């Protein structure tokens, strides 16, 4: 299977550059994964498509400030993106510009030293004085909105590029399917008998990186830390045993649950189930945990588009995307949503 099979024409004007004025005031395309039939609705009407006994699983990660602009002593601008790391010091950053070991960078009155170039476009940094690299970023860095928005982060992004249930800092990108969810809609879902359970997957920088291979089999997926509580695992099991559906709010939830599928089925104990998800889901994958997927419209040739195609069926998804473009849906992080069930 070739990456080019997942290319499509996305007009620039269909990319939502800003969030809607009111969170959740977006459209919802509902796609039947069995028939391919499409229905057009509103996101706030999601409670009309889920049913009593369903379990909505959400990602409670919180986006950290990860994009920092610095200057070399020559005056050359350098853009730094802090890389997520869940053990040891957080001092690795992806950089845009030219750096070498020993270079000194100036940012907000602090001096950073390039201790080592550890990989293609990745540097290990240190800050002069008592400040840590992580603390410097959290004080002065911007919210790392996606590069395809083609604009700098603004004040509204600090709130809107964050979910209403963000609790655990660690992501360098938002779980964007959750950006349209509101507390009011969660209450409406509860009133019709849909329960909610949380888990955490920290979205990594790999979500921004293009696939550089021509075939799916040659692509190496990035790793993302996740943690699923014993309570959430029990509720997933109870939902399936009672005939309900496990509804994943986004591809991040899907990756975590499907990566942990075999351990979920045999899990016992009270400690959270944790791991590093490096699962690459594309058509032909057999889903074991999720029964419905609420997601956004994804970029061409992206791994999240391939995951969505694996769940919906490639032909169904291709047809639905053509209709969404024709009906002028808004795409990508701040855009409209799709329910596949």
C-alpha atoms as a PDB file:
ATOM      1  CA  UNK A   1       0.000   0.000   0.000  1.00  0.00           C
ATOM      2  CA  UNK A   2       1.383   3.371  -1.036  1.00  0.00           C
ATOM      3  CA  UNK A   3       1.321   6.660   0.828  1.00  0.00           C
ATOM      4  CA  UNK A   4       0.158   8.376  -2.380  1.00  0.00           C
ATOM      5  CA  UNK A   5      -3.115   6.437  -2.086  1.00  0.00           C
ATOM      6  CA  UNK A   6      -3.973   8.820   0.755  1.00  0.00           C
ATOM      7  CA  UNK A   7      -3.456  12.053  -1.124  1.00  0.00           C
ATOM      8  CA  UNK A   8      -6.353  14.329  -1.975  1.00  0.00           C
ATOM      9  CA  UNK A   9      -6.925  17.911  -3.029  1.00  0.00           C
ATOM     10  CA  UNK A  10      -7.528  20.183  -0.040  1.00  0.00           C
ATOM     11  CA  UNK A  11      -8.230  23.783  -1.063  1.00  0.00           C
ATOM     12  CA  UNK A  12      -6.393  26.310   1.112  1.00  0.00           C
ATOM     13  CA  UNK A  13      -9.686  28.076   1.925  1.00  0.00           C
ATOM     14  CA  UNK A  14     -11.047  24.897   3.512  1.00  0.00           C
ATOM     15  CA  UNK A  15      -8.361  24.926   6.239  1.00  0.00           C
ATOM     16  CA  UNK A  16      -9.744  26.564   9.390  1.00  0.00           C
ATOM     17  CA  UNK A  17      -7.120  29.125  10.378  1.00  0.00           C
ATOM     18  CA  UNK A  18      -8.925  30.090  13.603  1.00  0.00           C
ATOM     19  CA  UNK A  19     -11.328  28.330  15.980  1.00  0.00           C
ATOM     20  CA  UNK A  20     -15.060  29.104  15.699  1.00  0.00           C
ATOM     21  CA  UNK A  21     -16.218  32.071  17.738  1.00  0.00           C
ATOM     22  CA  UNK A  22     -17.952  29.704  20.174  1.00  0.00           C
ATOM     23  CA  UNK A  23     -16.413  26.356  21.056  1.00  0.00           C
ATOM     24  CA  UNK A  24     -18.450  23.525  19.559  1.00  0.00           C
ATOM     25  CA  UNK A  25     -20.348  25.736  17.088  1.00  0.00           C
ATOM     26  CA  UNK A  26     -19.167  23.485  14.288  1.00  0.00           C
ATOM     27  CA  UNK A  27     -20.594  21.005  11.835  1.00  0.00           C
ATOM     28  CA  UNK A  28     -20.633  17.223  12.141  1.00  0.00           C
ATOM     29  CA  UNK A  29     -20.512  14.768   9.273  1.00  0.00           C
ATOM     30  CA  UNK A  30     -21.833  11.366  10.347  1.00  0.00           C
ATOM     31  CA  UNK A  31     -20.541   8.413   8.303  1.00  0.00           C
ATOM     32  CA  UNK A  32     -21.819   4.854   8.471  1.00  0.00           C
ATOM     33  CA  UNK A  33     -18.827   2.527   8.278  1.00  0.00           C
ATOM     34  CA  UNK A  34     -21.056  -0.315   7.074  1.00  0.00           C
ATOM     35  CA  UNK A  35     -23.005   1.448   4.299  1.00  0.00           C
ATOM     36  CA  UNK A  36     -20.984   4.574   3.561  1.00  0.00           C
ATOM     37  CA  UNK A  37     -24.108   6.707   3.967  1.00  0.00           C
ATOM     38  CA  UNK A  38     -23.393  10.300   5.021  1.00  0.00           C
ATOM     39  CA  UNK A  39     -25.566  12.528   7.197  1.00  0.00           C
ATOM     40  CA  UNK A  40     -24.947  16.226   7.843  1.00  0.00           C
ATOM     41  CA  UNK A  41     -25.519  17.538  11.372  1.00  0.00           C
ATOM     42  CA  UNK A  42     -24.190  19.931  14.013  1.00  0.00           C
ATOM     43  CA  UNK A  43     -21.596  19.059  16.626  1.00  0.00           C
ATOM     44  CA  UNK A  44     -23.875  20.129  19.471  1.00  0.00           C
ATOM     45  CA  UNK A  45     -26.330  17.454  18.268  1.00  0.00           C
ATOM     46  CA  UNK A  46     -23.902  14.598  18.948  1.00  0.00           C
ATOM     47  CA  UNK A  47     -26.245  13.272  21.655  1.00  0.00           C
ATOM     48  CA  UNK A  48     -28.654  12.314  18.866  1.00  0.00           C
ATOM     49  CA  UNK A  49     -26.162   9.827  17.401  1.00  0.00           C
ATOM     50  CA  UNK A  50     -24.788   8.191  20.541  1.00  0.00           C
ATOM     51  CA  UNK A  51     -27.025   6.026  22.710  1.00  0.00           C
ATOM     52  CA  UNK A  52     -27.569   4.812  26.233  1.00  0.00           C
ATOM     53  CA  UNK A  53     -24.825   2.414  27.258  1.00  0.00           C
ATOM     54  CA  UNK A  54     -22.133   3.951  25.052  1.00  0.00           C
ATOM     55  CA  UNK A  55     -18.829   4.986  26.622  1.00  0.00           C
ATOM     56  CA  UNK A  56     -17.029   8.084  25.316  1.00  0.00           C
ATOM     57  CA  UNK A  57     -13.292   7.861  26.035  1.00  0.00           C
ATOM     58  CA  UNK A  58     -11.496  11.222  26.186  1.00  0.00           C
ATOM     59  CA  UNK A  59      -7.831  12.252  26.270  1.00  0.00           C
ATOM     60  CA  UNK A  60      -7.050  14.375  29.346  1.00  0.00           C
ATOM     61  CA  UNK A  61      -3.605  15.522  28.203  1.00  0.00           C
ATOM     62  CA  UNK A  62      -2.675  19.199  28.438  1.00  0.00           C
ATOM     63  CA  UNK A  63      -0.701  21.069  25.792  1.00  0.00           C
ATOM     64  CA  UNK A  64       2.510  22.646  27.092  1.00  0.00           C
ATOM     65  CA  UNK A  65       4.194  25.752  25.737  1.00  0.00           C
ATOM     66  CA  UNK A  66       6.734  24.272  23.383  1.00  0.00           C
ATOM     67  CA  UNK A  67       7.711  26.795  20.648  1.00  0.00           C
ATOM     68  CA  UNK A  68      10.440  29.275  21.554  1.00  0.00           C
ATOM     69  CA  UNK A  69      12.151  31.829  19.315  1.00  0.00           C
ATOM     70  CA  UNK A  70      15.809  32.576  19.968  1.00  0.00           C
ATOM     71  CA  UNK A  71      18.725  34.289  18.233  1.00  0.00           C
ATOM     72  CA  UNK A  72      22.287  33.229  17.657  1.00  0.00           C
ATOM     73  CA  UNK A  73      25.042  35.648  18.627  1.00  0.00           C
ATOM     74  CA  UNK A  74      25.274  36.482  14.925  1.00  0.00           C
ATOM     75  CA  UNK A  75      21.669  37.684  15.039  1.00  0.00           C
ATOM     76  CA  UNK A  76      20.331  34.741  13.019  1.00  0.00           C
ATOM     77  CA  UNK A  77      16.861  33.617  14.133  1.00  0.00           C
ATOM     78  CA  UNK A  78      16.376  30.088  15.457  1.00  0.00           C
ATOM     79  CA  UNK A  79      13.032  28.443  16.167  1.00  0.00           C
ATOM     80  CA  UNK A  80      13.044  25.769  18.883  1.00  0.00           C
ATOM     81  CA  UNK A  81      10.380  23.159  19.568  1.00  0.00           C
ATOM     82  CA  UNK A  82      10.721  21.357  22.900  1.00  0.00           C
ATOM     83  CA  UNK A  83      10.447  17.615  22.503  1.00  0.00           C
ATOM     84  CA  UNK A  84       8.246  15.673  24.890  1.00  0.00           C
ATOM     85  CA  UNK A  85      10.064  13.385  27.282  1.00  0.00           C
ATOM     86  CA  UNK A  86       8.554  11.610  30.245  1.00  0.00           C
ATOM     87  CA  UNK A  87      11.702  10.461  32.025  1.00  0.00           C
ATOM     88  CA  UNK A  88      14.773  12.532  32.876  1.00  0.00           C
ATOM     89  CA  UNK A  89      15.463  16.162  31.972  1.00  0.00           C
ATOM     90  CA  UNK A  90      13.448  17.816  29.217  1.00  0.00           C
ATOM     91  CA  UNK A  91      16.259  19.463  27.313  1.00  0.00           C
ATOM     92  CA  UNK A  92      15.909  18.244  23.728  1.00  0.00           C
ATOM     93  CA  UNK A  93      14.499  20.545  21.080  1.00  0.00           C
ATOM     94  CA  UNK A  94      13.837  20.333  17.389  1.00  0.00           C
ATOM     95  CA  UNK A  95      15.392  23.387  15.749  1.00  0.00           C
ATOM     96  CA  UNK A  96      14.793  25.307  12.547  1.00  0.00           C
ATOM     97  CA  UNK A  97      17.921  27.046  11.303  1.00  0.00           C
ATOM     98  CA  UNK A  98      21.594  26.117  11.513  1.00  0.00           C
ATOM     99  CA  UNK A  99      23.159  25.001  14.784  1.00  0.00           C
ATOM    100  CA  UNK A 100      26.314  23.238  15.878  1.00  0.00           C
ATOM    101  CA  UNK A 101      27.709  22.060  19.179  1.00  0.00           C
ATOM    102  CA  UNK A 102      28.834  25.024  21.309  1.00  0.00           C
ATOM    103  CA  UNK A 103      26.533  27.609  19.736  1.00  0.00           C
ATOM    104  CA  UNK A 104      25.035  30.070  22.212  1.00  0.00           C
ATOM    105  CA  UNK A 105      21.473  31.327  21.800  1.00  0.00           C
ATOM    106  CA  UNK A 106      19.750  34.325  23.346  1.00  0.00           C
ATOM    107  CA  UNK A 107      16.085  34.170  24.385  1.00  0.00           C
ATOM    108  CA  UNK A 108      14.199  36.499  26.751  1.00  0.00           C
ATOM    109  CA  UNK A 109      17.353  37.581  28.545  1.00  0.00           C
ATOM    110  CA  UNK A 110      18.677  34.031  28.984  1.00  0.00           C
ATOM    111  CA  UNK A 111      21.534  32.265  27.248  1.00  0.00           C
ATOM    112  CA  UNK A 112      21.181  28.703  26.039  1.00  0.00           C
ATOM    113  CA  UNK A 113      24.123  26.561  25.000  1.00  0.00           C
ATOM    114  CA  UNK A 114      23.935  23.802  22.400  1.00  0.00           C
ATOM    115  CA  UNK A 115      25.536  20.918  24.280  1.00  0.00           C
ATOM    116  CA  UNK A 116      25.155  18.400  21.491  1.00  0.00           C
ATOM    117  CA  UNK A 117      23.477  17.787  18.148  1.00  0.00           C
ATOM    118  CA  UNK A 118      21.857  14.414  18.846  1.00  0.00           C
ATOM    119  CA  UNK A 119      20.053  13.751  15.589  1.00  0.00           C
ATOM    120  CA  UNK A 120      18.738  15.329  12.437  1.00  0.00           C
ATOM    121  CA  UNK A 121      17.464  18.729  13.512  1.00  0.00           C
ATOM    122  CA  UNK A 122      17.550  17.892  17.249  1.00  0.00           C
ATOM    123  CA  UNK A 123      19.780  19.615  19.824  1.00  0.00           C
ATOM    124  CA  UNK A 124      20.441  19.056  23.524  1.00  0.00           C
ATOM    125  CA  UNK A 125      20.322  22.415  25.291  1.00  0.00           C
ATOM    126  CA  UNK A 126      21.394  23.885  28.621  1.00  0.00           C
ATOM    127  CA  UNK A 127      20.507  27.243  30.178  1.00  0.00           C
ATOM    128  CA  UNK A 128      23.107  29.385  31.906  1.00  0.00           C
ATOM    129  CA  UNK A 129      22.274  29.833  35.580  1.00  0.00           C
ATOM    130  CA  UNK A 130      19.734  27.921  37.638  1.00  0.00           C
ATOM    131  CA  UNK A 131      16.890  27.873  35.101  1.00  0.00           C
ATOM    132  CA  UNK A 132      16.004  24.524  33.485  1.00  0.00           C
ATOM    133  CA  UNK A 133      15.245  24.265  29.772  1.00  0.00           C
ATOM    134  CA  UNK A 134      11.729  23.049  30.569  1.00  0.00           C
ATOM    135  CA  UNK A 135      11.021  25.957  32.965  1.00  0.00           C
ATOM    136  CA  UNK A 136      12.338  28.486  30.447  1.00  0.00           C
ATOM    137  CA  UNK A 137       9.960  27.160  27.812  1.00  0.00           C
ATOM    138  CA  UNK A 138       7.000  27.184  30.175  1.00  0.00           C
ATOM    139  CA  UNK A 139       7.678  30.820  31.089  1.00  0.00           C
ATOM    140  CA  UNK A 140       8.289  32.244  27.630  1.00  0.00           C
ATOM    141  CA  UNK A 141       7.373  29.797  24.854  1.00  0.00           C
ATOM    142  CA  UNK A 142       4.269  29.935  22.690  1.00  0.00           C
ATOM    143  CA  UNK A 143       1.501  27.396  22.271  1.00  0.00           C
ATOM    144  CA  UNK A 144       2.718  25.124  19.441  1.00  0.00           C
ATOM    145  CA  UNK A 145      -0.144  25.573  16.975  1.00  0.00           C
ATOM    146  CA  UNK A 146       0.282  23.482  13.793  1.00  0.00           C
ATOM    147  CA  UNK A 147       2.533  24.896  11.055  1.00  0.00           C
ATOM    148  CA  UNK A 148      -0.187  24.463   8.426  1.00  0.00           C
ATOM    149  CA  UNK A 149      -2.122  27.333  10.043  1.00  0.00           C
ATOM    150  CA  UNK A 150       0.598  29.584   8.592  1.00  0.00           C
ATOM    151  CA  UNK A 151       0.399  32.167  11.361  1.00  0.00           C
ATOM    152  CA  UNK A 152       1.953  32.909  14.739  1.00  0.00           C
ATOM    153  CA  UNK A 153       0.191  31.813  17.905  1.00  0.00           C
ATOM    154  CA  UNK A 154      -2.115  34.454  19.356  1.00  0.00           C
ATOM    155  CA  UNK A 155      -3.653  35.047  22.771  1.00  0.00           C
ATOM    156  CA  UNK A 156      -6.826  33.126  21.917  1.00  0.00           C
ATOM    157  CA  UNK A 157      -4.802  29.996  21.095  1.00  0.00           C
ATOM    158  CA  UNK A 158      -3.758  29.639  24.739  1.00  0.00           C
ATOM    159  CA  UNK A 159      -7.366  28.807  25.573  1.00  0.00           C
ATOM    160  CA  UNK A 160      -8.737  27.382  22.355  1.00  0.00           C
ATOM    161  CA  UNK A 161      -5.806  25.105  21.458  1.00  0.00           C
ATOM    162  CA  UNK A 162      -6.564  23.275  24.704  1.00  0.00           C
ATOM    163  CA  UNK A 163      -9.451  20.968  25.576  1.00  0.00           C
ATOM    164  CA  UNK A 164     -11.950  21.809  28.328  1.00  0.00           C
ATOM    165  CA  UNK A 165     -10.866  18.688  30.226  1.00  0.00           C
ATOM    166  CA  UNK A 166      -7.072  19.099  29.960  1.00  0.00           C
ATOM    167  CA  UNK A 167      -5.466  17.945  33.215  1.00  0.00           C
ATOM    168  CA  UNK A 168      -2.054  16.355  32.668  1.00  0.00           C
ATOM    169  CA  UNK A 169       0.691  18.486  31.025  1.00  0.00           C
ATOM    170  CA  UNK A 170       2.811  16.786  28.394  1.00  0.00           C
ATOM    171  CA  UNK A 171       1.546  17.294  24.827  1.00  0.00           C
ATOM    172  CA  UNK A 172       3.238  19.436  22.201  1.00  0.00           C
ATOM    173  CA  UNK A 173       0.086  19.294  20.063  1.00  0.00           C
ATOM    174  CA  UNK A 174      -3.580  19.218  20.994  1.00  0.00           C
ATOM    175  CA  UNK A 175      -5.790  16.134  20.636  1.00  0.00           C
ATOM    176  CA  UNK A 176      -7.721  18.206  18.126  1.00  0.00           C
ATOM    177  CA  UNK A 177     -10.859  16.062  17.903  1.00  0.00           C
ATOM    178  CA  UNK A 178     -11.534  17.201  21.472  1.00  0.00           C
ATOM    179  CA  UNK A 179     -11.289  20.927  20.797  1.00  0.00           C
ATOM    180  CA  UNK A 180     -14.974  21.149  19.835  1.00  0.00           C
ATOM    181  CA  UNK A 181     -16.223  19.349  22.966  1.00  0.00           C
ATOM    182  CA  UNK A 182     -17.913  21.514  25.617  1.00  0.00           C
ATOM    183  CA  UNK A 183     -19.022  20.927  29.216  1.00  0.00           C
ATOM    184  CA  UNK A 184     -22.619  21.505  28.126  1.00  0.00           C
ATOM    185  CA  UNK A 185     -22.427  18.760  25.507  1.00  0.00           C
ATOM    186  CA  UNK A 186     -20.898  16.346  28.012  1.00  0.00           C
ATOM    187  CA  UNK A 187     -23.907  16.999  30.259  1.00  0.00           C
ATOM    188  CA  UNK A 188     -26.303  16.363  27.356  1.00  0.00           C
ATOM    189  CA  UNK A 189     -24.557  13.074  26.624  1.00  0.00           C
ATOM    190  CA  UNK A 190     -24.817  12.037  30.267  1.00  0.00           C
ATOM    191  CA  UNK A 191     -28.538  12.829  30.219  1.00  0.00           C
ATOM    192  CA  UNK A 192     -29.120  10.361  27.352  1.00  0.00           C
ATOM    193  CA  UNK A 193     -27.116   7.650  29.113  1.00  0.00           C
ATOM    194  CA  UNK A 194     -23.684   8.076  27.525  1.00  0.00           C
ATOM    195  CA  UNK A 195     -20.910   7.877  30.115  1.00  0.00           C
ATOM    196  CA  UNK A 196     -17.408   9.321  29.866  1.00  0.00           C
ATOM    197  CA  UNK A 197     -14.040   7.887  30.877  1.00  0.00           C
ATOM    198  CA  UNK A 198     -10.604   9.465  30.711  1.00  0.00           C
ATOM    199  CA  UNK A 199      -7.141   8.341  29.707  1.00  0.00           C
ATOM    200  CA  UNK A 200      -4.000  10.266  28.794  1.00  0.00           C
ATOM    201  CA  UNK A 201      -1.817  10.158  25.714  1.00  0.00           C
ATOM    202  CA  UNK A 202       0.762  12.918  25.332  1.00  0.00           C
ATOM    203  CA  UNK A 203       0.791  13.943  21.684  1.00  0.00           C
ATOM    204  CA  UNK A 204       4.316  14.151  20.314  1.00  0.00           C
ATOM    205  CA  UNK A 205       5.963  16.269  17.659  1.00  0.00           C
ATOM    206  CA  UNK A 206       5.706  13.343  15.259  1.00  0.00           C
ATOM    207  CA  UNK A 207       2.109  14.375  14.650  1.00  0.00           C
ATOM    208  CA  UNK A 208       3.510  17.312  12.591  1.00  0.00           C
ATOM    209  CA  UNK A 209       6.112  15.334  10.678  1.00  0.00           C
ATOM    210  CA  UNK A 210       5.375  14.192   7.100  1.00  0.00           C
ATOM    211  CA  UNK A 211       5.725  10.608   5.963  1.00  0.00           C
ATOM    212  CA  UNK A 212       8.900  10.506   3.883  1.00  0.00           C
ATOM    213  CA  UNK A 213       8.583   6.924   2.641  1.00  0.00           C
ATOM    214  CA  UNK A 214       6.631   5.810  -0.408  1.00  0.00           C
ATOM    215  CA  UNK A 215       5.137   2.692   1.166  1.00  0.00           C
ATOM    216  CA  UNK A 216       3.333   2.292   4.476  1.00  0.00           C
ATOM    217  CA  UNK A 217       5.499  -0.637   5.503  1.00  0.00           C
ATOM    218  CA  UNK A 218       8.678   1.479   5.421  1.00  0.00           C
ATOM    219  CA  UNK A 219       7.378   4.228   7.707  1.00  0.00           C
ATOM    220  CA  UNK A 220       8.594   4.189  11.322  1.00  0.00           C
ATOM    221  CA  UNK A 221       5.966   5.561  13.698  1.00  0.00           C
ATOM    222  CA  UNK A 222       6.918   7.921  16.536  1.00  0.00           C
ATOM    223  CA  UNK A 223       6.304   6.913  20.166  1.00  0.00           C
ATOM    224  CA  UNK A 224       3.806   8.603  22.467  1.00  0.00           C
ATOM    225  CA  UNK A 225       3.421   7.968  26.189  1.00  0.00           C
ATOM    226  CA  UNK A 226      -0.023   6.914  27.440  1.00  0.00           C
ATOM    227  CA  UNK A 227      -1.646   5.981  30.724  1.00  0.00           C
ATOM    228  CA  UNK A 228      -5.019   4.250  31.131  1.00  0.00           C
ATOM    229  CA  UNK A 229      -6.490   3.930  34.614  1.00  0.00           C
ATOM    230  CA  UNK A 230      -7.814   0.670  36.013  1.00  0.00           C
ATOM    231  CA  UNK A 231     -11.243   2.301  36.307  1.00  0.00           C
ATOM    232  CA  UNK A 232     -11.319   3.214  32.604  1.00  0.00           C
ATOM    233  CA  UNK A 233     -10.258  -0.307  31.649  1.00  0.00           C
ATOM    234  CA  UNK A 234     -13.039  -1.782  33.778  1.00  0.00           C
ATOM    235  CA  UNK A 235     -15.596   0.543  32.225  1.00  0.00           C
ATOM    236  CA  UNK A 236     -14.441  -0.429  28.719  1.00  0.00           C
ATOM    237  CA  UNK A 237     -14.954  -4.087  29.597  1.00  0.00           C
ATOM    238  CA  UNK A 238     -18.358  -3.429  31.154  1.00  0.00           C
ATOM    239  CA  UNK A 239     -19.453  -1.447  28.086  1.00  0.00           C
ATOM    240  CA  UNK A 240     -18.590  -4.284  25.742  1.00  0.00           C
ATOM    241  CA  UNK A 241     -20.132  -6.948  27.952  1.00  0.00           C
ATOM    242  CA  UNK A 242     -23.413  -5.007  28.148  1.00  0.00           C
ATOM    243  CA  UNK A 243     -23.637  -4.396  24.395  1.00  0.00           C
ATOM    244  CA  UNK A 244     -22.603  -0.738  24.407  1.00  0.00           C
ATOM    245  CA  UNK A 245     -20.081   0.924  22.145  1.00  0.00           C
ATOM    246  CA  UNK A 246     -16.664   2.292  23.045  1.00  0.00           C
ATOM    247  CA  UNK A 247     -16.489   5.661  21.285  1.00  0.00           C
ATOM    248  CA  UNK A 248     -12.999   7.098  20.894  1.00  0.00           C
ATOM    249  CA  UNK A 249     -12.807  10.882  20.997  1.00  0.00           C
ATOM    250  CA  UNK A 250      -9.990  11.197  18.510  1.00  0.00           C
ATOM    251  CA  UNK A 251      -7.138   9.293  16.950  1.00  0.00           C
ATOM    252  CA  UNK A 252      -4.978   9.767  20.067  1.00  0.00           C
ATOM    253  CA  UNK A 253      -7.453   7.756  22.151  1.00  0.00           C
ATOM    254  CA  UNK A 254      -7.693   5.200  19.357  1.00  0.00           C
ATOM    255  CA  UNK A 255      -3.926   4.686  19.191  1.00  0.00           C
ATOM    256  CA  UNK A 256      -3.617   4.219  22.942  1.00  0.00           C
ATOM    257  CA  UNK A 257      -6.549   1.809  23.292  1.00  0.00           C
ATOM    258  CA  UNK A 258      -5.614  -0.289  20.279  1.00  0.00           C
ATOM    259  CA  UNK A 259      -1.926  -0.403  21.258  1.00  0.00           C
ATOM    260  CA  UNK A 260      -2.977  -1.638  24.699  1.00  0.00           C
ATOM    261  CA  UNK A 261      -5.730  -3.956  23.425  1.00  0.00           C
ATOM    262  CA  UNK A 262      -4.149  -7.262  24.415  1.00  0.00           C
ATOM    263  CA  UNK A 263      -3.233  -5.951  27.871  1.00  0.00           C
ATOM    264  CA  UNK A 264      -6.699  -4.471  28.390  1.00  0.00           C
ATOM    265  CA  UNK A 265      -8.293  -7.858  27.814  1.00  0.00           C
ATOM    266  CA  UNK A 266      -6.086  -9.521  30.442  1.00  0.00           C
ATOM    267  CA  UNK A 267      -5.600  -6.583  32.802  1.00  0.00           C
ATOM    268  CA  UNK A 268      -5.842  -6.989  36.563  1.00  0.00           C
ATOM    269  CA  UNK A 269      -4.743  -4.760  39.395  1.00  0.00           C
ATOM    270  CA  UNK A 270      -5.185  -1.128  40.393  1.00  0.00           C
ATOM    271  CA  UNK A 271      -2.148   0.616  38.908  1.00  0.00           C
ATOM    272  CA  UNK A 272      -2.590   2.466  35.580  1.00  0.00           C
ATOM    273  CA  UNK A 273      -1.727   0.610  32.405  1.00  0.00           C
ATOM    274  CA  UNK A 274       1.079   2.581  30.765  1.00  0.00           C
ATOM    275  CA  UNK A 275       3.083   2.312  27.602  1.00  0.00           C
ATOM    276  CA  UNK A 276       4.658   4.015  24.592  1.00  0.00           C
ATOM    277  CA  UNK A 277       2.335   3.805  21.610  1.00  0.00           C
ATOM    278  CA  UNK A 278       4.200   3.343  18.352  1.00  0.00           C
ATOM    279  CA  UNK A 279       1.350   1.629  16.549  1.00  0.00           C
ATOM    280  CA  UNK A 280       0.829   2.549  12.886  1.00  0.00           C
ATOM    281  CA  UNK A 281      -2.804   1.942  11.957  1.00  0.00           C
ATOM    282  CA  UNK A 282      -3.717   1.854   8.277  1.00  0.00           C
ATOM    283  CA  UNK A 283      -6.250  -0.080   6.141  1.00  0.00           C
ATOM    284  CA  UNK A 284      -6.194  -3.782   6.903  1.00  0.00           C
ATOM    285  CA  UNK A 285      -5.873  -3.201  10.656  1.00  0.00           C
ATOM    286  CA  UNK A 286      -8.292  -5.156  12.862  1.00  0.00           C
ATOM    287  CA  UNK A 287      -9.762  -2.936  15.601  1.00  0.00           C
ATOM    288  CA  UNK A 288     -10.255  -4.684  18.930  1.00  0.00           C
ATOM    289  CA  UNK A 289     -11.413  -1.963  21.331  1.00  0.00           C
ATOM    290  CA  UNK A 290     -13.145   0.970  19.651  1.00  0.00           C
ATOM    291  CA  UNK A 291     -16.582   0.737  18.040  1.00  0.00           C
ATOM    292  CA  UNK A 292     -17.032   4.356  16.922  1.00  0.00           C
ATOM    293  CA  UNK A 293     -14.680   7.254  16.250  1.00  0.00           C
ATOM    294  CA  UNK A 294     -15.267  10.993  16.639  1.00  0.00           C
ATOM    295  CA  UNK A 295     -12.501  12.832  14.814  1.00  0.00           C
ATOM    296  CA  UNK A 296     -11.597  15.847  12.696  1.00  0.00           C
ATOM    297  CA  UNK A 297     -10.878  16.056   8.963  1.00  0.00           C
ATOM    298  CA  UNK A 298      -7.218  15.255   8.456  1.00  0.00           C
ATOM    299  CA  UNK A 299      -4.439  16.429   6.166  1.00  0.00           C
ATOM    300  CA  UNK A 300      -3.509  14.530   2.990  1.00  0.00           C
ATOM    301  CA  UNK A 301      -0.910  11.766   3.359  1.00  0.00           C
ATOM    302  CA  UNK A 302      -1.026  11.936   7.171  1.00  0.00           C
ATOM    303  CA  UNK A 303      -0.899   8.957   9.521  1.00  0.00           C
ATOM    304  CA  UNK A 304      -4.142  10.082  11.186  1.00  0.00           C
ATOM    305  CA  UNK A 305      -5.906  10.071   7.804  1.00  0.00           C
ATOM    306  CA  UNK A 306      -4.707   6.503   7.283  1.00  0.00           C
ATOM    307  CA  UNK A 307      -5.990   5.489  10.720  1.00  0.00           C
ATOM    308  CA  UNK A 308      -9.370   7.020   9.914  1.00  0.00           C
ATOM    309  CA  UNK A 309      -9.465   5.199   6.576  1.00  0.00           C
ATOM    310  CA  UNK A 310      -8.677   1.932   8.350  1.00  0.00           C
ATOM    311  CA  UNK A 311     -11.716   2.401  10.587  1.00  0.00           C
ATOM    312  CA  UNK A 312     -14.179   3.834   8.052  1.00  0.00           C
ATOM    313  CA  UNK A 313     -13.024   1.899   5.008  1.00  0.00           C
ATOM    314  CA  UNK A 314     -10.933   3.657   2.359  1.00  0.00           C
ATOM    315  CA  UNK A 315     -13.694   3.958  -0.231  1.00  0.00           C
ATOM    316  CA  UNK A 316     -16.240   5.248   2.289  1.00  0.00           C
ATOM    317  CA  UNK A 317     -13.801   7.804   3.674  1.00  0.00           C
ATOM    318  CA  UNK A 318     -12.681   8.998   0.239  1.00  0.00           C
ATOM    319  CA  UNK A 319     -16.295   9.572  -0.778  1.00  0.00           C
ATOM    320  CA  UNK A 320     -17.124  11.324   2.504  1.00  0.00           C
ATOM    321  CA  UNK A 321     -14.113  13.658   2.168  1.00  0.00           C
ATOM    322  CA  UNK A 322     -15.131  14.585  -1.377  1.00  0.00           C
ATOM    323  CA  UNK A 323     -18.587  15.452  -0.091  1.00  0.00           C
ATOM    324  CA  UNK A 324     -17.147  17.415   2.843  1.00  0.00           C
ATOM    325  CA  UNK A 325     -15.004  19.523   0.504  1.00  0.00           C
ATOM    326  CA  UNK A 326     -17.991  20.095  -1.778  1.00  0.00           C
ATOM    327  CA  UNK A 327     -20.197  21.071   1.172  1.00  0.00           C
ATOM    328  CA  UNK A 328     -17.510  23.486   2.385  1.00  0.00           C
ATOM    329  CA  UNK A 329     -16.700  21.836   5.694  1.00  0.00           C
ATOM    330  CA  UNK A 330     -13.750  23.327   7.573  1.00  0.00           C
ATOM    331  CA  UNK A 331     -10.735  21.021   7.828  1.00  0.00           C
ATOM    332  CA  UNK A 332      -7.875  20.264  10.234  1.00  0.00           C
ATOM    333  CA  UNK A 333      -7.300  21.255  13.873  1.00  0.00           C
ATOM    334  CA  UNK A 334      -9.791  24.119  14.278  1.00  0.00           C
ATOM    335  CA  UNK A 335     -12.294  22.722  11.819  1.00  0.00           C
ATOM    336  CA  UNK A 336     -15.439  20.596  11.762  1.00  0.00           C
ATOM    337  CA  UNK A 337     -15.773  17.006  12.942  1.00  0.00           C
ATOM    338  CA  UNK A 338     -16.737  13.575  11.707  1.00  0.00           C
ATOM    339  CA  UNK A 339     -18.458  10.733  13.578  1.00  0.00           C
ATOM    340  CA  UNK A 340     -17.786   7.290  12.116  1.00  0.00           C
ATOM    341  CA  UNK A 341     -20.073   4.626  13.547  1.00  0.00           C
END
